[in-house]
N, C-alpha and C. Protein backbone atom coordinates (compact mmCIF):
# COMPACT_ATOMS: atom_id res chain seq x y z
N MET A 1 -5.36 27.70 16.03
CA MET A 1 -4.61 28.56 14.94
C MET A 1 -5.00 29.95 15.14
N GLU A 2 -6.14 30.63 15.95
CA GLU A 2 -6.03 31.55 16.21
C GLU A 2 -5.50 32.41 17.25
N ASN A 3 -5.28 31.35 18.04
CA ASN A 3 -4.25 31.43 19.13
C ASN A 3 -2.77 31.77 18.87
N ASN A 4 -2.62 31.08 18.16
CA ASN A 4 -0.83 31.17 17.44
C ASN A 4 -0.85 32.58 16.64
N ILE A 5 -1.91 33.01 15.87
CA ILE A 5 -1.72 34.48 15.28
C ILE A 5 -1.74 35.64 16.39
N ASP A 6 -2.38 35.35 17.29
CA ASP A 6 -2.56 36.25 18.58
C ASP A 6 -1.21 36.31 19.13
N ARG A 7 -0.53 35.37 19.47
CA ARG A 7 0.66 35.23 20.02
C ARG A 7 1.80 36.01 19.09
N ARG A 8 1.68 35.81 17.70
CA ARG A 8 2.83 36.52 16.95
C ARG A 8 2.12 37.92 17.00
N VAL A 9 1.50 38.49 16.90
CA VAL A 9 0.96 39.66 17.01
C VAL A 9 1.44 40.44 18.41
N ILE A 10 1.24 40.03 19.31
CA ILE A 10 1.68 40.31 20.80
C ILE A 10 3.40 40.23 20.58
N LEU A 11 4.05 39.38 20.28
CA LEU A 11 5.36 39.29 19.82
C LEU A 11 5.92 40.20 18.87
N ILE A 12 5.09 40.41 17.85
CA ILE A 12 5.45 41.68 17.01
C ILE A 12 5.53 42.64 17.91
N LYS A 13 4.53 43.19 18.49
CA LYS A 13 4.32 44.33 19.17
C LYS A 13 5.68 44.79 20.20
N ARG A 14 5.61 43.59 20.85
CA ARG A 14 7.00 43.80 21.82
C ARG A 14 7.91 44.02 21.63
N ILE A 15 8.51 43.32 20.42
CA ILE A 15 9.74 43.29 19.42
C ILE A 15 9.88 44.90 18.76
N PHE A 16 9.17 45.07 18.05
CA PHE A 16 9.26 46.12 16.97
C PHE A 16 8.64 47.43 17.48
N VAL A 17 7.57 47.37 17.84
CA VAL A 17 6.66 48.58 18.14
C VAL A 17 6.93 49.26 19.28
N LYS A 18 7.42 48.88 20.18
CA LYS A 18 7.74 49.22 21.58
C LYS A 18 7.86 50.74 21.63
N ASN A 19 9.07 50.97 21.03
CA ASN A 19 9.86 52.52 21.00
C ASN A 19 9.64 53.72 20.01
N ILE A 20 8.56 52.86 19.02
CA ILE A 20 8.37 54.12 17.55
C ILE A 20 6.92 54.32 17.80
N ASN A 21 7.01 55.82 17.15
CA ASN A 21 6.22 56.55 17.33
C ASN A 21 5.36 56.95 16.07
N GLY A 22 4.32 57.43 15.79
CA GLY A 22 3.50 57.97 14.88
C GLY A 22 3.37 56.99 13.50
N SER A 23 3.65 58.01 12.51
CA SER A 23 3.59 56.93 10.82
C SER A 23 4.54 55.85 10.98
N LYS A 24 5.54 55.72 11.47
CA LYS A 24 6.87 54.89 11.43
C LYS A 24 6.13 53.65 11.96
N LYS A 25 5.31 53.61 13.11
CA LYS A 25 4.78 52.48 13.73
C LYS A 25 3.89 51.83 12.58
N LYS A 26 2.94 52.90 12.18
CA LYS A 26 1.71 51.93 11.17
C LYS A 26 2.50 51.48 9.62
N PHE A 27 3.37 52.30 9.29
CA PHE A 27 3.91 51.75 8.35
C PHE A 27 5.01 50.27 8.77
N LEU A 28 5.78 50.24 9.91
CA LEU A 28 6.64 49.01 10.56
C LEU A 28 5.36 47.93 10.60
N ALA A 29 4.11 48.49 10.89
CA ALA A 29 3.29 47.32 11.45
C ALA A 29 2.57 46.75 10.28
N ILE A 30 2.42 47.53 9.18
CA ILE A 30 1.59 46.92 8.04
C ILE A 30 2.71 46.18 7.20
N PHE A 31 4.15 46.66 7.23
CA PHE A 31 5.10 45.97 6.52
C PHE A 31 5.38 44.34 7.21
N VAL A 32 5.47 44.47 8.56
CA VAL A 32 5.82 43.29 9.13
C VAL A 32 4.73 42.23 8.94
N GLY A 33 3.50 42.88 9.20
CA GLY A 33 2.16 42.14 8.49
C GLY A 33 2.11 41.43 7.64
N MET A 34 2.14 42.21 6.52
CA MET A 34 2.35 41.62 5.00
C MET A 34 3.50 40.69 5.00
N CYS A 35 5.00 40.70 5.45
CA CYS A 35 5.71 39.47 5.52
C CYS A 35 5.37 38.60 6.04
N ALA A 36 4.79 38.67 7.31
CA ALA A 36 4.66 37.78 8.22
C ALA A 36 3.47 36.64 8.07
N PHE A 37 2.19 37.43 7.34
CA PHE A 37 0.97 36.52 7.25
C PHE A 37 0.68 36.55 5.86
N SER A 38 1.56 37.13 5.01
CA SER A 38 0.99 36.99 3.38
C SER A 38 1.84 35.68 3.01
N GLY A 39 0.78 34.72 2.17
CA GLY A 39 1.49 33.51 1.85
C GLY A 39 2.10 33.67 0.56
N ALA A 40 1.80 34.74 -0.28
CA ALA A 40 2.33 35.02 -1.50
C ALA A 40 3.46 35.93 -1.60
N ALA A 41 3.72 36.29 -0.33
CA ALA A 41 5.12 37.25 -0.26
C ALA A 41 6.51 36.06 -0.53
N SER A 42 6.45 35.33 0.18
CA SER A 42 7.32 34.07 -0.14
C SER A 42 6.89 32.92 -0.68
N GLY A 43 5.78 32.85 -1.58
CA GLY A 43 4.90 31.49 -1.96
C GLY A 43 5.95 30.57 -2.83
N GLU A 44 5.44 29.42 -2.87
CA GLU A 44 6.18 28.57 -3.80
C GLU A 44 5.02 27.39 -3.90
N SER A 45 4.97 26.80 -5.21
CA SER A 45 4.52 25.84 -5.33
C SER A 45 4.88 24.54 -6.00
N ILE A 46 4.72 23.22 -5.82
CA ILE A 46 5.25 22.22 -6.05
C ILE A 46 4.51 21.70 -7.71
N VAL A 47 5.37 21.56 -8.41
CA VAL A 47 5.05 21.15 -10.00
C VAL A 47 5.42 19.80 -9.95
N TYR A 48 4.51 18.93 -10.37
CA TYR A 48 4.74 17.45 -10.54
C TYR A 48 4.88 17.06 -12.18
N ALA A 49 5.66 16.45 -12.53
CA ALA A 49 5.61 16.04 -13.80
C ALA A 49 6.19 14.74 -14.02
N ASP A 50 5.77 13.98 -15.40
CA ASP A 50 6.26 12.62 -15.65
C ASP A 50 7.34 12.58 -16.68
N PHE A 51 8.12 11.79 -16.38
CA PHE A 51 9.38 11.76 -17.37
C PHE A 51 9.67 10.24 -17.83
N TYR A 52 9.81 9.87 -19.33
CA TYR A 52 10.13 8.32 -19.52
C TYR A 52 11.34 8.31 -20.33
N GLY A 53 11.78 7.25 -20.31
CA GLY A 53 13.27 7.18 -20.76
C GLY A 53 13.02 5.55 -21.63
N THR A 54 13.46 5.61 -22.71
CA THR A 54 13.52 4.18 -23.47
C THR A 54 15.08 4.24 -23.70
N ALA A 55 14.93 2.76 -23.92
CA ALA A 55 16.75 2.13 -24.39
C ALA A 55 16.25 0.92 -24.92
N ARG A 56 17.18 0.43 -25.71
CA ARG A 56 17.33 -0.95 -26.32
C ARG A 56 18.92 -1.64 -26.10
N TYR A 57 18.32 -2.83 -25.61
CA TYR A 57 19.88 -3.54 -25.07
C TYR A 57 19.51 -4.95 -25.30
N SER A 58 20.48 -5.65 -25.25
CA SER A 58 20.53 -7.35 -25.42
C SER A 58 20.00 -7.95 -24.34
N THR A 59 20.10 -7.46 -23.15
CA THR A 59 19.50 -7.61 -21.78
C THR A 59 18.67 -7.14 -21.18
N ILE A 60 17.25 -7.38 -20.65
CA ILE A 60 16.22 -6.64 -20.14
C ILE A 60 16.85 -5.89 -18.89
N GLU A 61 17.64 -6.51 -18.11
CA GLU A 61 18.00 -5.55 -16.95
C GLU A 61 18.89 -4.27 -17.04
N SER A 62 19.99 -4.66 -18.31
CA SER A 62 20.72 -3.34 -19.00
C SER A 62 19.68 -2.43 -19.51
N ALA A 63 18.91 -2.77 -20.18
CA ALA A 63 17.91 -2.04 -20.96
C ALA A 63 17.25 -1.05 -20.00
N LEU A 64 16.70 -1.63 -18.90
CA LEU A 64 16.33 -0.92 -17.82
C LEU A 64 17.02 0.04 -17.01
N LYS A 65 17.99 -0.36 -16.58
CA LYS A 65 19.07 0.56 -16.25
C LYS A 65 19.37 1.89 -17.14
N MET A 66 19.38 1.43 -18.31
CA MET A 66 19.68 2.48 -19.12
C MET A 66 18.64 3.37 -19.37
N ALA A 67 17.04 2.82 -19.20
CA ALA A 67 15.96 3.78 -19.76
C ALA A 67 15.86 4.60 -18.41
N GLN A 68 16.02 4.03 -17.39
CA GLN A 68 15.87 4.94 -16.08
C GLN A 68 16.78 5.62 -16.15
N ALA A 69 18.33 5.88 -16.49
CA ALA A 69 19.19 6.54 -16.44
C ALA A 69 18.57 7.90 -17.54
N ASN A 70 18.21 7.64 -18.64
CA ASN A 70 17.39 8.54 -19.57
C ASN A 70 16.44 9.27 -19.10
N ALA A 71 15.49 8.48 -18.36
CA ALA A 71 14.43 9.29 -17.62
C ALA A 71 15.00 10.54 -16.65
N LEU A 72 15.60 9.78 -15.59
CA LEU A 72 16.24 10.89 -14.78
C LEU A 72 17.24 11.81 -15.10
N ASN A 73 18.17 11.63 -16.18
CA ASN A 73 18.73 12.67 -16.67
C ASN A 73 17.95 13.93 -17.36
N GLU A 74 16.85 13.23 -18.04
CA GLU A 74 15.97 14.41 -18.57
C GLU A 74 15.18 15.16 -17.52
N ALA A 75 14.87 14.59 -16.26
CA ALA A 75 14.33 15.36 -15.28
C ALA A 75 15.42 16.37 -14.61
N THR A 76 16.61 15.81 -14.36
CA THR A 76 17.65 16.48 -13.91
C THR A 76 18.01 17.92 -14.60
N ARG A 77 18.03 17.58 -15.76
CA ARG A 77 18.32 18.62 -17.05
C ARG A 77 17.15 19.78 -16.71
N LEU A 78 15.89 19.41 -16.55
CA LEU A 78 14.74 20.33 -16.40
C LEU A 78 14.61 20.81 -14.92
N LEU A 79 15.78 20.73 -14.03
CA LEU A 79 15.62 21.01 -12.74
C LEU A 79 14.15 20.31 -11.55
N TYR A 80 14.11 19.04 -11.81
CA TYR A 80 13.30 18.50 -11.26
C TYR A 80 14.16 17.34 -10.11
N SER A 81 13.47 17.40 -9.19
CA SER A 81 14.17 16.41 -7.98
C SER A 81 12.97 15.70 -7.23
N LYS A 82 13.27 14.82 -6.46
CA LYS A 82 12.70 14.14 -5.74
C LYS A 82 11.97 13.20 -6.61
N CYS A 83 12.74 12.14 -7.48
CA CYS A 83 11.99 11.52 -8.55
C CYS A 83 11.31 10.06 -7.80
N VAL A 84 10.27 9.48 -8.25
CA VAL A 84 9.90 8.35 -7.66
C VAL A 84 9.33 7.44 -8.89
N PHE A 85 10.20 6.41 -8.94
CA PHE A 85 9.99 5.39 -9.89
C PHE A 85 8.77 4.82 -10.15
N VAL A 86 7.75 4.72 -11.25
CA VAL A 86 6.86 4.53 -11.34
C VAL A 86 6.45 2.92 -11.73
N GLY A 87 7.26 2.69 -13.01
CA GLY A 87 7.09 1.41 -13.40
C GLY A 87 7.94 1.35 -14.77
N TYR A 88 7.70 0.16 -15.46
CA TYR A 88 8.55 0.03 -16.68
C TYR A 88 7.76 -0.79 -17.49
N GLN A 89 7.90 -0.75 -18.65
CA GLN A 89 7.10 -1.63 -19.89
C GLN A 89 8.29 -2.12 -20.79
N SER A 90 8.35 -3.69 -21.16
CA SER A 90 9.32 -3.85 -21.82
C SER A 90 8.61 -4.40 -23.23
N LYS A 91 9.59 -4.75 -24.17
CA LYS A 91 8.99 -5.41 -25.10
C LYS A 91 10.24 -5.84 -26.52
N ARG A 92 10.14 -6.78 -27.10
CA ARG A 92 10.86 -7.39 -28.25
C ARG A 92 10.37 -6.76 -29.41
N PRO A 93 11.21 -5.63 -29.81
CA PRO A 93 10.93 -4.68 -30.90
C PRO A 93 10.95 -5.69 -32.52
N ASN A 94 11.84 -6.51 -32.34
CA ASN A 94 11.96 -7.23 -33.76
C ASN A 94 12.05 -8.70 -33.17
N PHE A 95 10.86 -9.38 -34.05
CA PHE A 95 10.72 -10.74 -33.80
C PHE A 95 11.84 -11.73 -34.80
N TYR A 96 12.39 -11.06 -35.51
CA TYR A 96 13.55 -11.54 -36.59
C TYR A 96 14.85 -11.77 -35.52
N ASP A 97 15.01 -10.70 -34.70
CA ASP A 97 16.37 -10.65 -33.64
C ASP A 97 15.61 -10.82 -32.32
N PRO A 98 15.42 -11.75 -31.81
CA PRO A 98 14.59 -11.64 -30.11
C PRO A 98 15.93 -11.71 -29.17
N ASN A 99 16.85 -11.18 -29.39
CA ASN A 99 17.80 -11.02 -28.23
C ASN A 99 17.74 -9.33 -28.17
N TRP A 100 16.89 -8.75 -28.73
CA TRP A 100 17.12 -7.18 -28.24
C TRP A 100 15.72 -6.83 -27.39
N TYR A 101 16.10 -5.95 -26.44
CA TYR A 101 14.74 -5.78 -25.46
C TYR A 101 14.65 -4.30 -25.57
N GLU A 102 13.63 -3.75 -26.15
CA GLU A 102 13.15 -2.21 -25.66
C GLU A 102 12.35 -2.11 -24.43
N VAL A 103 12.97 -1.06 -23.45
CA VAL A 103 12.25 -0.86 -22.29
C VAL A 103 12.14 0.78 -22.09
N THR A 104 11.02 0.95 -21.75
CA THR A 104 10.44 2.35 -20.95
C THR A 104 10.18 2.54 -19.85
N ALA A 105 11.25 3.07 -19.28
CA ALA A 105 10.60 3.65 -17.63
C ALA A 105 10.01 4.92 -17.42
N ALA A 106 9.33 4.86 -16.33
CA ALA A 106 8.58 6.16 -16.09
C ALA A 106 8.89 6.45 -14.59
N TYR A 107 9.09 7.82 -14.62
CA TYR A 107 9.16 8.41 -12.83
C TYR A 107 8.59 9.49 -13.14
N THR A 108 7.83 9.84 -11.86
CA THR A 108 7.19 11.24 -11.39
C THR A 108 8.18 12.00 -10.44
N CYS A 109 8.39 13.18 -10.86
CA CYS A 109 9.04 14.30 -10.37
C CYS A 109 8.64 15.57 -10.06
N GLN A 110 9.17 16.00 -8.94
CA GLN A 110 8.64 17.04 -8.35
C GLN A 110 9.85 18.40 -8.66
N LYS A 111 9.26 19.61 -8.43
CA LYS A 111 10.28 20.92 -8.57
C LYS A 111 9.05 21.88 -7.95
N TRP A 112 10.32 22.73 -7.00
CA TRP A 112 9.61 23.89 -6.21
C TRP A 112 9.65 25.10 -7.16
N VAL A 113 8.51 25.97 -7.17
CA VAL A 113 8.72 26.74 -8.27
C VAL A 113 8.07 28.18 -7.73
N PRO A 114 8.40 29.16 -7.67
CA PRO A 114 8.25 30.54 -6.82
C PRO A 114 7.14 30.75 -7.48
N TYR A 115 6.16 31.65 -6.49
CA TYR A 115 5.26 32.30 -7.41
C TYR A 115 5.91 33.79 -8.08
N PRO A 116 5.52 34.22 -9.05
CA PRO A 116 5.77 35.31 -9.79
C PRO A 116 5.56 36.65 -9.07
């Protein structure tokens, strides 16, 4: 790791600081150092969130597809991407009408957020 930093410093000196004198050299060295070695200068963070979608339909397969679509639509609306399907839960909410299934699908998604 230290060897890579030394190579970067030598490269920066060769490219930028070769023909510059005085205070310009100091300013340029500080500026390039801050941009090249500061993680906060262009830092980003990954934020994870869970999304749930619920749907009720007459077949469990169709209810699952609709629940997945509801969860992914909410994630997309909030600018999350790279979603991973976690699982689902199904039940029959009405014992008097057993032909309806209620399914809840779960996704975990991530979003890149720049540092303020």
